[in-house]
Amino acid sequence: MIGGNESCTAGPISLSYLTCVAHLLGEWTGVEHLEDYLGYTVYLLWLLLPLAIAFIYPGIFFLIFIYSSVIILHIHKRKLNGEKSGNVWDGARKILTTLWDGHARIWHGYEVHGNENIPEGPALLVFYHGACPADIIYFISRLLLEKKRFCCLVADHFVSKIPGFKITVEAFEVLHGPKEACVNALKKGYLLGISPGGVREALFSDETYVIIWGSRKGFAQVAIDAKVPIIPVFTQNVREGIRTVGKIKILRKLYECIRLPVVPMYGGFPVKLRTFVGEPIPYDPNITAEELTAKTKAALQALIEKHQKIPGNICRALMERFQTRQKED
């Protein structure tokens, strides 16, 4: 050990910075051989680093991804001097959807199959909700860029309460309900996207891709009232890109109490993502909301069974990312 009055740089060989810090802390705390404890701590940190990255990366990535978009929207709004008439967000939407689509192509080799099933007029698109709605963002971006069709989305109320997200909700005309607002959007000729499972399905579904809708049937009533078809939409491997630890019962109970996404996520893996657009379920004036809900759920389940190997596997999904051709189902 170095004497109390000896400098860390004294002698022919200077000590490392960390050793010097450990020595000073040892002198201050009175703990002998503190550098041994610190060395063990550093070893544990390196050992746990992959696990830490797996849990922290999704949050950091999507914060950067979303808040970069928020900054662009604020710049666009500032250039417009707060004007809110007309399609003032068209330019910003084109910039952001180009960026999102670029990320989808590079990171996930993203593909869309079945675009021909989307009608020229309004329709209600019903999605399976992955742990993160990135696939939905990718899909509406590709739709706007390639088919020049803008798709409104229905999202949970808590989205607007996230700091900075209010301008995104405004720019992309995200709806939180009620049913009348959704019906009006469809009657204006828009496409409207919704995930009936919502946050509950996002957090507590898993690699078996179980659909968690509960008793929700409001989306079916919206389609009936607006007299529009329903189109099921599913993204292959969406659960392998980002996963949740939703099998912990206490987290499920906590969510049911506070209705906020409190379940940890991990992943951010560059898995292959393919969105499949199913055949439309045409408007039928004689069908009830319960019957239409069951019909839609069956159609979405059929898409999952056709295009997703269950249970999902992260390694397999990563391998598919680098395959040059899609295997025949």
C-alpha atoms as a PDB file:
ATOM      1  CA  MET A   1       0.000   0.000   0.000  1.00  0.00           C
ATOM      2  CA  ILE A   2       1.095   3.578  -0.562  1.00  0.00           C
ATOM      3  CA  GLY A   3       1.915   5.677   2.429  1.00  0.00           C
ATOM      4  CA  GLY A   4      -0.526   8.358   3.449  1.00  0.00           C
ATOM      5  CA  ASN A   5       1.678  11.209   2.352  1.00  0.00           C
ATOM      6  CA  GLU A   6       2.888   9.555  -0.867  1.00  0.00           C
ATOM      7  CA  SER A   7       1.589  10.862  -4.175  1.00  0.00           C
ATOM      8  CA  CYS A   8      -0.193   8.552  -6.620  1.00  0.00           C
ATOM      9  CA  THR A   9       2.363   9.562  -9.245  1.00  0.00           C
ATOM     10  CA  ALA A  10       5.401   9.249  -6.997  1.00  0.00           C
ATOM     11  CA  GLY A  11       8.229   6.902  -7.917  1.00  0.00           C
ATOM     12  CA  PRO A  12       9.408   5.621 -11.260  1.00  0.00           C
ATOM     13  CA  ILE A  13       6.016   4.080 -12.183  1.00  0.00           C
ATOM     14  CA  SER A  14       2.798   6.103 -11.934  1.00  0.00           C
ATOM     15  CA  LEU A  15      -0.305   4.285 -10.690  1.00  0.00           C
ATOM     16  CA  SER A  16      -3.423   4.025 -12.867  1.00  0.00           C
ATOM     17  CA  TYR A  17      -6.175   6.550 -12.331  1.00  0.00           C
ATOM     18  CA  LEU A  18      -8.575   3.915 -10.941  1.00  0.00           C
ATOM     19  CA  THR A  19      -5.964   2.559  -8.560  1.00  0.00           C
ATOM     20  CA  CYS A  20      -5.276   6.063  -7.354  1.00  0.00           C
ATOM     21  CA  VAL A  21      -8.992   6.696  -6.818  1.00  0.00           C
ATOM     22  CA  ALA A  22      -9.333   3.392  -4.963  1.00  0.00           C
ATOM     23  CA  HIS A  23      -6.393   4.336  -2.729  1.00  0.00           C
ATOM     24  CA  LEU A  24      -7.844   7.751  -1.917  1.00  0.00           C
ATOM     25  CA  LEU A  25     -11.267   6.220  -1.159  1.00  0.00           C
ATOM     26  CA  GLY A  26      -9.607   3.657   1.048  1.00  0.00           C
ATOM     27  CA  GLU A  27      -7.801   6.390   2.979  1.00  0.00           C
ATOM     28  CA  TRP A  28     -11.053   8.331   3.321  1.00  0.00           C
ATOM     29  CA  THR A  29     -13.296   5.408   4.356  1.00  0.00           C
ATOM     30  CA  GLY A  30     -10.705   3.469   6.344  1.00  0.00           C
ATOM     31  CA  VAL A  31     -11.483   0.254   4.396  1.00  0.00           C
ATOM     32  CA  GLU A  32      -8.384  -1.779   3.620  1.00  0.00           C
ATOM     33  CA  HIS A  33      -7.781  -3.266   0.139  1.00  0.00           C
ATOM     34  CA  LEU A  34     -10.677  -1.293  -1.308  1.00  0.00           C
ATOM     35  CA  GLU A  35      -9.205  -1.709  -4.805  1.00  0.00           C
ATOM     36  CA  ASP A  36      -9.946  -5.450  -4.564  1.00  0.00           C
ATOM     37  CA  TYR A  37     -13.623  -4.761  -3.893  1.00  0.00           C
ATOM     38  CA  LEU A  38     -13.750  -2.236  -6.729  1.00  0.00           C
ATOM     39  CA  GLY A  39     -12.106  -4.713  -9.080  1.00  0.00           C
ATOM     40  CA  TYR A  40     -14.763  -7.296  -8.238  1.00  0.00           C
ATOM     41  CA  THR A  41     -17.467  -4.686  -8.831  1.00  0.00           C
ATOM     42  CA  VAL A  42     -16.020  -3.809 -12.243  1.00  0.00           C
ATOM     43  CA  TYR A  43     -15.956  -7.525 -13.118  1.00  0.00           C
ATOM     44  CA  LEU A  44     -19.650  -7.879 -12.219  1.00  0.00           C
ATOM     45  CA  LEU A  45     -20.504  -4.818 -14.306  1.00  0.00           C
ATOM     46  CA  TRP A  46     -18.785  -6.300 -17.350  1.00  0.00           C
ATOM     47  CA  LEU A  47     -20.494  -9.626 -16.712  1.00  0.00           C
ATOM     48  CA  LEU A  48     -23.940  -8.036 -16.540  1.00  0.00           C
ATOM     49  CA  LEU A  49     -23.343  -5.537 -19.375  1.00  0.00           C
ATOM     50  CA  PRO A  50     -25.074  -7.621 -22.111  1.00  0.00           C
ATOM     51  CA  LEU A  51     -28.154  -8.005 -19.909  1.00  0.00           C
ATOM     52  CA  ALA A  52     -28.166  -4.289 -19.127  1.00  0.00           C
ATOM     53  CA  ILE A  53     -27.883  -3.414 -22.811  1.00  0.00           C
ATOM     54  CA  ALA A  54     -30.735  -5.775 -23.686  1.00  0.00           C
ATOM     55  CA  PHE A  55     -33.063  -4.057 -21.206  1.00  0.00           C
ATOM     56  CA  ILE A  56     -31.890  -0.456 -21.663  1.00  0.00           C
ATOM     57  CA  TYR A  57     -31.430  -0.341 -25.461  1.00  0.00           C
ATOM     58  CA  PRO A  58     -35.145  -0.447 -26.450  1.00  0.00           C
ATOM     59  CA  GLY A  59     -35.939   2.530 -24.246  1.00  0.00           C
ATOM     60  CA  ILE A  60     -32.954   4.560 -25.411  1.00  0.00           C
ATOM     61  CA  PHE A  61     -33.544   3.690 -29.066  1.00  0.00           C
ATOM     62  CA  PHE A  62     -37.195   4.644 -29.116  1.00  0.00           C
ATOM     63  CA  LEU A  63     -36.571   7.785 -27.118  1.00  0.00           C
ATOM     64  CA  ILE A  64     -34.045   8.876 -29.743  1.00  0.00           C
ATOM     65  CA  PHE A  65     -36.296   7.683 -32.560  1.00  0.00           C
ATOM     66  CA  ILE A  66     -39.431   9.425 -31.341  1.00  0.00           C
ATOM     67  CA  TYR A  67     -37.935  12.574 -29.864  1.00  0.00           C
ATOM     68  CA  SER A  68     -35.907  13.236 -33.025  1.00  0.00           C
ATOM     69  CA  SER A  69     -39.254  13.182 -34.799  1.00  0.00           C
ATOM     70  CA  VAL A  70     -40.693  15.529 -32.187  1.00  0.00           C
ATOM     71  CA  ILE A  71     -37.843  17.999 -32.769  1.00  0.00           C
ATOM     72  CA  ILE A  72     -38.488  17.926 -36.529  1.00  0.00           C
ATOM     73  CA  LEU A  73     -42.178  18.614 -35.927  1.00  0.00           C
ATOM     74  CA  HIS A  74     -41.379  21.581 -33.686  1.00  0.00           C
ATOM     75  CA  ILE A  75     -39.007  23.013 -36.303  1.00  0.00           C
ATOM     76  CA  HIS A  76     -41.676  22.591 -38.958  1.00  0.00           C
ATOM     77  CA  LYS A  77     -44.311  24.222 -36.764  1.00  0.00           C
ATOM     78  CA  ARG A  78     -41.995  27.134 -35.981  1.00  0.00           C
ATOM     79  CA  LYS A  79     -41.406  27.756 -39.683  1.00  0.00           C
ATOM     80  CA  LEU A  80     -45.160  27.896 -40.159  1.00  0.00           C
ATOM     81  CA  ASN A  81     -45.399  30.519 -37.393  1.00  0.00           C
ATOM     82  CA  GLY A  82     -48.084  28.523 -35.637  1.00  0.00           C
ATOM     83  CA  GLU A  83     -50.430  28.435 -38.643  1.00  0.00           C
ATOM     84  CA  LYS A  84     -53.037  25.673 -38.276  1.00  0.00           C
ATOM     85  CA  SER A  85     -55.177  25.920 -41.390  1.00  0.00           C
ATOM     86  CA  GLY A  86     -55.001  23.525 -44.321  1.00  0.00           C
ATOM     87  CA  ASN A  87     -52.710  20.524 -44.519  1.00  0.00           C
ATOM     88  CA  VAL A  88     -49.874  22.254 -42.699  1.00  0.00           C
ATOM     89  CA  TRP A  89     -48.359  18.961 -41.525  1.00  0.00           C
ATOM     90  CA  ASP A  90     -47.968  17.389 -44.974  1.00  0.00           C
ATOM     91  CA  GLY A  91     -44.317  18.383 -45.343  1.00  0.00           C
ATOM     92  CA  ALA A  92     -43.364  17.169 -41.871  1.00  0.00           C
ATOM     93  CA  ARG A  93     -45.236  13.913 -42.375  1.00  0.00           C
ATOM     94  CA  LYS A  94     -43.325  13.244 -45.591  1.00  0.00           C
ATOM     95  CA  ILE A  95     -39.973  13.904 -43.889  1.00  0.00           C
ATOM     96  CA  LEU A  96     -40.747  11.692 -40.897  1.00  0.00           C
ATOM     97  CA  THR A  97     -42.279   8.823 -42.854  1.00  0.00           C
ATOM     98  CA  THR A  98     -39.222   8.822 -45.138  1.00  0.00           C
ATOM     99  CA  LEU A  99     -36.946   8.567 -42.089  1.00  0.00           C
ATOM    100  CA  TRP A 100     -39.076   5.862 -40.464  1.00  0.00           C
ATOM    101  CA  ASP A 101     -39.295   3.861 -43.683  1.00  0.00           C
ATOM    102  CA  GLY A 102     -35.529   4.145 -44.137  1.00  0.00           C
ATOM    103  CA  HIS A 103     -34.967   2.765 -40.661  1.00  0.00           C
ATOM    104  CA  ALA A 104     -37.432  -0.059 -41.323  1.00  0.00           C
ATOM    105  CA  ARG A 105     -35.603  -1.062 -44.515  1.00  0.00           C
ATOM    106  CA  ILE A 106     -32.102  -0.891 -43.015  1.00  0.00           C
ATOM    107  CA  TRP A 107     -32.711  -2.405 -39.574  1.00  0.00           C
ATOM    108  CA  HIS A 108     -35.470  -4.916 -40.311  1.00  0.00           C
ATOM    109  CA  GLY A 109     -35.470  -5.416 -44.105  1.00  0.00           C
ATOM    110  CA  TYR A 110     -39.114  -4.431 -43.758  1.00  0.00           C
ATOM    111  CA  GLU A 111     -41.646  -5.693 -46.310  1.00  0.00           C
ATOM    112  CA  VAL A 112     -45.379  -5.227 -46.846  1.00  0.00           C
ATOM    113  CA  HIS A 113     -47.475  -7.907 -48.537  1.00  0.00           C
ATOM    114  CA  GLY A 114     -51.116  -7.566 -49.563  1.00  0.00           C
ATOM    115  CA  ASN A 115     -51.333  -3.819 -50.164  1.00  0.00           C
ATOM    116  CA  GLU A 116     -53.746  -4.610 -52.969  1.00  0.00           C
ATOM    117  CA  ASN A 117     -56.312  -5.513 -50.291  1.00  0.00           C
ATOM    118  CA  ILE A 118     -56.528  -1.889 -49.186  1.00  0.00           C
ATOM    119  CA  PRO A 119     -59.486  -0.223 -50.952  1.00  0.00           C
ATOM    120  CA  GLU A 120     -59.443   3.213 -52.538  1.00  0.00           C
ATOM    121  CA  GLY A 121     -62.011   4.418 -50.041  1.00  0.00           C
ATOM    122  CA  PRO A 122     -62.145   4.334 -46.234  1.00  0.00           C
ATOM    123  CA  ALA A 123     -61.506   1.181 -44.227  1.00  0.00           C
ATOM    124  CA  LEU A 124     -60.795   0.141 -40.654  1.00  0.00           C
ATOM    125  CA  LEU A 125     -57.414  -1.583 -40.305  1.00  0.00           C
ATOM    126  CA  VAL A 126     -57.216  -3.912 -37.291  1.00  0.00           C
ATOM    127  CA  PHE A 127     -53.683  -4.705 -36.068  1.00  0.00           C
ATOM    128  CA  TYR A 128     -52.210  -7.266 -33.726  1.00  0.00           C
ATOM    129  CA  HIS A 129     -50.343  -5.180 -31.124  1.00  0.00           C
ATOM    130  CA  GLY A 130     -46.689  -6.111 -30.562  1.00  0.00           C
ATOM    131  CA  ALA A 131     -44.712  -5.074 -27.498  1.00  0.00           C
ATOM    132  CA  CYS A 132     -43.951  -1.830 -29.335  1.00  0.00           C
ATOM    133  CA  PRO A 133     -46.002  -0.286 -32.166  1.00  0.00           C
ATOM    134  CA  ALA A 134     -42.926   0.248 -34.366  1.00  0.00           C
ATOM    135  CA  ASP A 135     -44.363  -2.066 -37.041  1.00  0.00           C
ATOM    136  CA  ILE A 136     -47.523   0.053 -37.214  1.00  0.00           C
ATOM    137  CA  ILE A 137     -45.397   3.192 -37.646  1.00  0.00           C
ATOM    138  CA  TYR A 138     -43.425   1.462 -40.410  1.00  0.00           C
ATOM    139  CA  PHE A 139     -46.638   0.366 -42.112  1.00  0.00           C
ATOM    140  CA  ILE A 140     -48.363   3.752 -42.167  1.00  0.00           C
ATOM    141  CA  SER A 141     -45.096   5.291 -43.394  1.00  0.00           C
ATOM    142  CA  ARG A 142     -44.846   2.851 -46.320  1.00  0.00           C
ATOM    143  CA  LEU A 143     -48.537   3.357 -47.049  1.00  0.00           C
ATOM    144  CA  LEU A 144     -48.157   7.129 -47.261  1.00  0.00           C
ATOM    145  CA  LEU A 145     -44.985   6.990 -49.351  1.00  0.00           C
ATOM    146  CA  GLU A 146     -46.026   4.314 -51.836  1.00  0.00           C
ATOM    147  CA  LYS A 147     -49.820   4.610 -52.047  1.00  0.00           C
ATOM    148  CA  LYS A 148     -50.209   8.243 -50.960  1.00  0.00           C
ATOM    149  CA  ARG A 149     -52.764   7.104 -48.388  1.00  0.00           C
ATOM    150  CA  PHE A 150     -52.814   8.696 -44.957  1.00  0.00           C
ATOM    151  CA  CYS A 151     -53.892   6.446 -42.106  1.00  0.00           C
ATOM    152  CA  CYS A 152     -55.119   7.883 -38.813  1.00  0.00           C
ATOM    153  CA  LEU A 153     -54.440   5.848 -35.703  1.00  0.00           C
ATOM    154  CA  VAL A 154     -56.361   5.227 -32.500  1.00  0.00           C
ATOM    155  CA  ALA A 155     -54.130   5.219 -29.397  1.00  0.00           C
ATOM    156  CA  ASP A 156     -54.484   5.063 -25.634  1.00  0.00           C
ATOM    157  CA  HIS A 157     -54.997   8.341 -23.760  1.00  0.00           C
ATOM    158  CA  PHE A 158     -51.676   8.029 -21.938  1.00  0.00           C
ATOM    159  CA  VAL A 159     -49.799   8.624 -25.240  1.00  0.00           C
ATOM    160  CA  SER A 160     -50.778  12.299 -25.210  1.00  0.00           C
ATOM    161  CA  LYS A 161     -49.529  12.613 -21.639  1.00  0.00           C
ATOM    162  CA  ILE A 162     -45.984  11.520 -22.526  1.00  0.00           C
ATOM    163  CA  PRO A 163     -43.793  14.660 -22.513  1.00  0.00           C
ATOM    164  CA  GLY A 164     -43.334  15.963 -26.042  1.00  0.00           C
ATOM    165  CA  PHE A 165     -45.816  13.614 -27.694  1.00  0.00           C
ATOM    166  CA  LYS A 166     -48.673  16.076 -27.950  1.00  0.00           C
ATOM    167  CA  ILE A 167     -47.326  17.575 -31.168  1.00  0.00           C
ATOM    168  CA  THR A 168     -46.943  14.093 -32.703  1.00  0.00           C
ATOM    169  CA  VAL A 169     -50.551  13.305 -31.832  1.00  0.00           C
ATOM    170  CA  GLU A 170     -51.576  16.580 -33.482  1.00  0.00           C
ATOM    171  CA  ALA A 171     -49.477  16.139 -36.618  1.00  0.00           C
ATOM    172  CA  PHE A 172     -50.598  12.575 -37.318  1.00  0.00           C
ATOM    173  CA  GLU A 173     -54.193  13.110 -36.204  1.00  0.00           C
ATOM    174  CA  VAL A 174     -54.054  10.357 -33.573  1.00  0.00           C
ATOM    175  CA  LEU A 175     -57.456   9.732 -32.025  1.00  0.00           C
ATOM    176  CA  HIS A 176     -58.271   8.552 -28.518  1.00  0.00           C
ATOM    177  CA  GLY A 177     -61.944   8.061 -29.283  1.00  0.00           C
ATOM    178  CA  PRO A 178     -64.816   8.411 -28.729  1.00  0.00           C
ATOM    179  CA  LYS A 179     -66.560   6.214 -31.275  1.00  0.00           C
ATOM    180  CA  GLU A 180     -68.153   9.240 -32.937  1.00  0.00           C
ATOM    181  CA  ALA A 181     -64.737  10.730 -33.759  1.00  0.00           C
ATOM    182  CA  CYS A 182     -63.605   7.441 -35.302  1.00  0.00           C
ATOM    183  CA  VAL A 183     -66.778   7.187 -37.374  1.00  0.00           C
ATOM    184  CA  ASN A 184     -66.350  10.782 -38.587  1.00  0.00           C
ATOM    185  CA  ALA A 185     -62.753  10.096 -39.666  1.00  0.00           C
ATOM    186  CA  LEU A 186     -63.905   7.114 -41.721  1.00  0.00           C
ATOM    187  CA  LYS A 187     -66.776   9.064 -43.256  1.00  0.00           C
ATOM    188  CA  LYS A 188     -64.239  11.661 -44.412  1.00  0.00           C
ATOM    189  CA  GLY A 189     -62.597   8.925 -46.483  1.00  0.00           C
ATOM    190  CA  TYR A 190     -59.611   8.197 -44.213  1.00  0.00           C
ATOM    191  CA  LEU A 191     -58.081   4.880 -43.390  1.00  0.00           C
ATOM    192  CA  LEU A 192     -58.220   4.275 -39.646  1.00  0.00           C
ATOM    193  CA  GLY A 193     -55.885   1.914 -37.788  1.00  0.00           C
ATOM    194  CA  ILE A 194     -56.660   0.379 -34.415  1.00  0.00           C
ATOM    195  CA  SER A 195     -55.342  -2.399 -32.169  1.00  0.00           C
ATOM    196  CA  PRO A 196     -58.295  -3.659 -30.117  1.00  0.00           C
ATOM    197  CA  GLY A 197     -55.908  -5.407 -27.705  1.00  0.00           C
ATOM    198  CA  GLY A 198     -54.240  -2.093 -26.909  1.00  0.00           C
ATOM    199  CA  VAL A 199     -51.624  -1.804 -24.175  1.00  0.00           C
ATOM    200  CA  ARG A 200     -52.813  -4.976 -22.449  1.00  0.00           C
ATOM    201  CA  GLU A 201     -52.068  -7.074 -25.546  1.00  0.00           C
ATOM    202  CA  ALA A 202     -48.762  -5.241 -26.068  1.00  0.00           C
ATOM    203  CA  LEU A 203     -47.548  -6.029 -22.549  1.00  0.00           C
ATOM    204  CA  PHE A 204     -49.012  -9.437 -21.786  1.00  0.00           C
ATOM    205  CA  SER A 205     -49.157 -11.319 -25.068  1.00  0.00           C
ATOM    206  CA  ASP A 206     -45.985 -13.324 -25.762  1.00  0.00           C
ATOM    207  CA  GLU A 207     -44.116 -15.438 -28.312  1.00  0.00           C
ATOM    208  CA  THR A 208     -47.265 -17.559 -28.766  1.00  0.00           C
ATOM    209  CA  TYR A 209     -48.970 -14.493 -30.297  1.00  0.00           C
ATOM    210  CA  VAL A 210     -52.175 -14.906 -28.333  1.00  0.00           C
ATOM    211  CA  ILE A 211     -54.783 -12.248 -29.146  1.00  0.00           C
ATOM    212  CA  ILE A 212     -55.947 -10.426 -25.998  1.00  0.00           C
ATOM    213  CA  TRP A 213     -59.075  -8.441 -26.778  1.00  0.00           C
ATOM    214  CA  GLY A 214     -61.226  -9.316 -23.797  1.00  0.00           C
ATOM    215  CA  SER A 215     -64.779  -8.144 -24.427  1.00  0.00           C
ATOM    216  CA  ARG A 216     -63.822  -5.206 -26.644  1.00  0.00           C
ATOM    217  CA  LYS A 217     -66.150  -4.753 -29.601  1.00  0.00           C
ATOM    218  CA  GLY A 218     -66.310  -0.963 -30.017  1.00  0.00           C
ATOM    219  CA  PHE A 219     -64.142  -1.072 -33.149  1.00  0.00           C
ATOM    220  CA  ALA A 220     -66.686  -3.381 -34.800  1.00  0.00           C
ATOM    221  CA  GLN A 221     -69.512  -0.974 -34.005  1.00  0.00           C
ATOM    222  CA  VAL A 222     -67.443   1.855 -35.522  1.00  0.00           C
ATOM    223  CA  ALA A 223     -67.075  -0.117 -38.775  1.00  0.00           C
ATOM    224  CA  ILE A 224     -70.807  -0.867 -38.839  1.00  0.00           C
ATOM    225  CA  ASP A 225     -71.794   2.744 -38.158  1.00  0.00           C
ATOM    226  CA  ALA A 226     -69.360   4.061 -40.801  1.00  0.00           C
ATOM    227  CA  LYS A 227     -70.351   1.304 -43.268  1.00  0.00           C
ATOM    228  CA  VAL A 228     -66.740   0.412 -44.069  1.00  0.00           C
ATOM    229  CA  PRO A 229     -64.856  -2.873 -44.436  1.00  0.00           C
ATOM    230  CA  ILE A 230     -62.454  -4.201 -41.798  1.00  0.00           C
ATOM    231  CA  ILE A 231     -58.974  -5.294 -42.868  1.00  0.00           C
ATOM    232  CA  PRO A 232     -56.887  -7.500 -40.537  1.00  0.00           C
ATOM    233  CA  VAL A 233     -53.158  -6.685 -40.438  1.00  0.00           C
ATOM    234  CA  PHE A 234     -50.353  -8.735 -38.870  1.00  0.00           C
ATOM    235  CA  THR A 235     -46.579  -8.268 -38.748  1.00  0.00           C
ATOM    236  CA  GLN A 236     -44.449 -11.386 -38.733  1.00  0.00           C
ATOM    237  CA  ASN A 237     -41.805 -11.598 -35.950  1.00  0.00           C
ATOM    238  CA  VAL A 238     -43.050  -8.443 -34.223  1.00  0.00           C
ATOM    239  CA  ARG A 239     -42.729 -10.223 -30.860  1.00  0.00           C
ATOM    240  CA  GLU A 240     -39.131 -11.214 -31.579  1.00  0.00           C
ATOM    241  CA  GLY A 241     -37.959  -7.641 -32.196  1.00  0.00           C
ATOM    242  CA  ILE A 242     -38.901  -6.490 -28.708  1.00  0.00           C
ATOM    243  CA  ARG A 243     -40.231  -8.647 -25.904  1.00  0.00           C
ATOM    244  CA  THR A 244     -41.752  -7.959 -22.515  1.00  0.00           C
ATOM    245  CA  VAL A 245     -41.530  -9.756 -19.182  1.00  0.00           C
ATOM    246  CA  GLY A 246     -45.301  -9.715 -18.847  1.00  0.00           C
ATOM    247  CA  LYS A 247     -45.592 -13.154 -17.238  1.00  0.00           C
ATOM    248  CA  ILE A 248     -44.851 -11.683 -13.817  1.00  0.00           C
ATOM    249  CA  LYS A 249     -48.259 -11.662 -12.096  1.00  0.00           C
ATOM    250  CA  ILE A 250     -47.583  -8.670  -9.858  1.00  0.00           C
ATOM    251  CA  LEU A 251     -46.879  -6.515 -12.927  1.00  0.00           C
ATOM    252  CA  ARG A 252     -50.199  -7.562 -14.442  1.00  0.00           C
ATOM    253  CA  LYS A 253     -51.987  -6.594 -11.240  1.00  0.00           C
ATOM    254  CA  LEU A 254     -50.117  -3.299 -11.131  1.00  0.00           C
ATOM    255  CA  TYR A 255     -51.111  -2.496 -14.713  1.00  0.00           C
ATOM    256  CA  GLU A 256     -54.769  -3.266 -14.023  1.00  0.00           C
ATOM    257  CA  CYS A 257     -54.627  -0.801 -11.115  1.00  0.00           C
ATOM    258  CA  ILE A 258     -52.859   2.151 -12.752  1.00  0.00           C
ATOM    259  CA  ARG A 259     -53.352   1.380 -16.485  1.00  0.00           C
ATOM    260  CA  LEU A 260     -49.818   2.472 -17.400  1.00  0.00           C
ATOM    261  CA  PRO A 261     -47.169   0.414 -19.279  1.00  0.00           C
ATOM    262  CA  VAL A 262     -45.042  -0.601 -16.283  1.00  0.00           C
ATOM    263  CA  VAL A 263     -43.719  -3.894 -17.714  1.00  0.00           C
ATOM    264  CA  PRO A 264     -39.982  -3.932 -18.632  1.00  0.00           C
ATOM    265  CA  MET A 265     -39.028  -4.568 -22.255  1.00  0.00           C
ATOM    266  CA  TYR A 266     -35.890  -5.987 -23.813  1.00  0.00           C
ATOM    267  CA  GLY A 267     -34.593  -6.496 -27.324  1.00  0.00           C
ATOM    268  CA  GLY A 268     -34.441  -4.045 -30.196  1.00  0.00           C
ATOM    269  CA  PHE A 269     -33.094  -6.897 -32.335  1.00  0.00           C
ATOM    270  CA  PRO A 270     -32.782  -6.468 -36.143  1.00  0.00           C
ATOM    271  CA  VAL A 271     -35.224  -9.278 -36.897  1.00  0.00           C
ATOM    272  CA  LYS A 272     -37.029  -9.656 -40.211  1.00  0.00           C
ATOM    273  CA  LEU A 273     -40.378  -7.871 -40.205  1.00  0.00           C
ATOM    274  CA  ARG A 274     -43.058  -8.527 -42.807  1.00  0.00           C
ATOM    275  CA  THR A 275     -46.502  -6.973 -42.554  1.00  0.00           C
ATOM    276  CA  PHE A 276     -49.321  -8.980 -44.102  1.00  0.00           C
ATOM    277  CA  VAL A 277     -52.560  -7.226 -45.062  1.00  0.00           C
ATOM    278  CA  GLY A 278     -55.471  -9.648 -45.041  1.00  0.00           C
ATOM    279  CA  GLU A 279     -58.523  -9.747 -47.253  1.00  0.00           C
ATOM    280  CA  PRO A 280     -61.240  -7.191 -46.389  1.00  0.00           C
ATOM    281  CA  ILE A 281     -64.237  -8.198 -44.327  1.00  0.00           C
ATOM    282  CA  PRO A 282     -66.978  -6.337 -46.225  1.00  0.00           C
ATOM    283  CA  TYR A 283     -69.610  -4.192 -44.582  1.00  0.00           C
ATOM    284  CA  ASP A 284     -72.745  -6.164 -43.768  1.00  0.00           C
ATOM    285  CA  PRO A 285     -75.773  -4.194 -42.513  1.00  0.00           C
ATOM    286  CA  ASN A 286     -77.251  -7.342 -40.959  1.00  0.00           C
ATOM    287  CA  ILE A 287     -74.271  -8.284 -38.781  1.00  0.00           C
ATOM    288  CA  THR A 288     -74.010  -7.399 -35.089  1.00  0.00           C
ATOM    289  CA  ALA A 289     -70.947  -5.930 -33.386  1.00  0.00           C
ATOM    290  CA  GLU A 290     -70.396  -9.193 -31.483  1.00  0.00           C
ATOM    291  CA  GLU A 291     -70.494 -11.246 -34.686  1.00  0.00           C
ATOM    292  CA  LEU A 292     -68.194  -8.843 -36.528  1.00  0.00           C
ATOM    293  CA  THR A 293     -65.732  -8.877 -33.619  1.00  0.00           C
ATOM    294  CA  ALA A 294     -65.603 -12.678 -33.704  1.00  0.00           C
ATOM    295  CA  LYS A 295     -65.204 -12.660 -37.474  1.00  0.00           C
ATOM    296  CA  THR A 296     -62.367 -10.137 -37.332  1.00  0.00           C
ATOM    297  CA  LYS A 297     -60.580 -12.009 -34.560  1.00  0.00           C
ATOM    298  CA  ALA A 298     -60.796 -15.233 -36.564  1.00  0.00           C
ATOM    299  CA  ALA A 299     -59.392 -13.497 -39.661  1.00  0.00           C
ATOM    300  CA  LEU A 300     -56.490 -12.028 -37.678  1.00  0.00           C
ATOM    301  CA  GLN A 301     -55.814 -15.393 -36.023  1.00  0.00           C
ATOM    302  CA  ALA A 302     -55.736 -16.991 -39.480  1.00  0.00           C
ATOM    303  CA  LEU A 303     -53.077 -14.474 -40.591  1.00  0.00           C
ATOM    304  CA  ILE A 304     -50.986 -15.283 -37.519  1.00  0.00           C
ATOM    305  CA  GLU A 305     -51.249 -19.034 -38.066  1.00  0.00           C
ATOM    306  CA  LYS A 306     -50.383 -18.704 -41.754  1.00  0.00           C
ATOM    307  CA  HIS A 307     -47.390 -16.383 -41.498  1.00  0.00           C
ATOM    308  CA  GLN A 308     -45.925 -16.866 -38.012  1.00  0.00           C
ATOM    309  CA  LYS A 309     -44.059 -19.889 -36.679  1.00  0.00           C
ATOM    310  CA  ILE A 310     -45.258 -20.410 -33.116  1.00  0.00           C
ATOM    311  CA  PRO A 311     -43.700 -20.125 -30.654  1.00  0.00           C
ATOM    312  CA  GLY A 312     -41.662 -17.257 -31.987  1.00  0.00           C
ATOM    313  CA  ASN A 313     -37.886 -17.593 -31.889  1.00  0.00           C
ATOM    314  CA  ILE A 314     -35.464 -14.664 -31.823  1.00  0.00           C
ATOM    315  CA  CYS A 315     -32.571 -16.545 -33.452  1.00  0.00           C
ATOM    316  CA  ARG A 316     -34.780 -17.787 -36.277  1.00  0.00           C
ATOM    317  CA  ALA A 317     -36.165 -14.289 -36.837  1.00  0.00           C
ATOM    318  CA  LEU A 318     -32.612 -12.903 -36.984  1.00  0.00           C
ATOM    319  CA  MET A 319     -31.645 -15.540 -39.567  1.00  0.00           C
ATOM    320  CA  GLU A 320     -34.679 -14.630 -41.677  1.00  0.00           C
ATOM    321  CA  ARG A 321     -33.471 -11.022 -41.726  1.00  0.00           C
ATOM    322  CA  PHE A 322     -30.516 -12.018 -43.863  1.00  0.00           C
ATOM    323  CA  GLN A 323     -32.284 -14.391 -46.221  1.00  0.00           C
ATOM    324  CA  THR A 324     -32.524 -12.961 -49.724  1.00  0.00           C
ATOM    325  CA  ARG A 325     -35.854 -14.557 -50.611  1.00  0.00           C
ATOM    326  CA  GLN A 326     -39.009 -15.184 -48.649  1.00  0.00           C
ATOM    327  CA  LYS A 327     -39.821 -18.854 -48.189  1.00  0.00           C
ATOM    328  CA  GLU A 328     -43.160 -20.016 -49.481  1.00  0.00           C
ATOM    329  CA  ASP A 329     -45.694 -20.464 -46.701  1.00  0.00           C
END
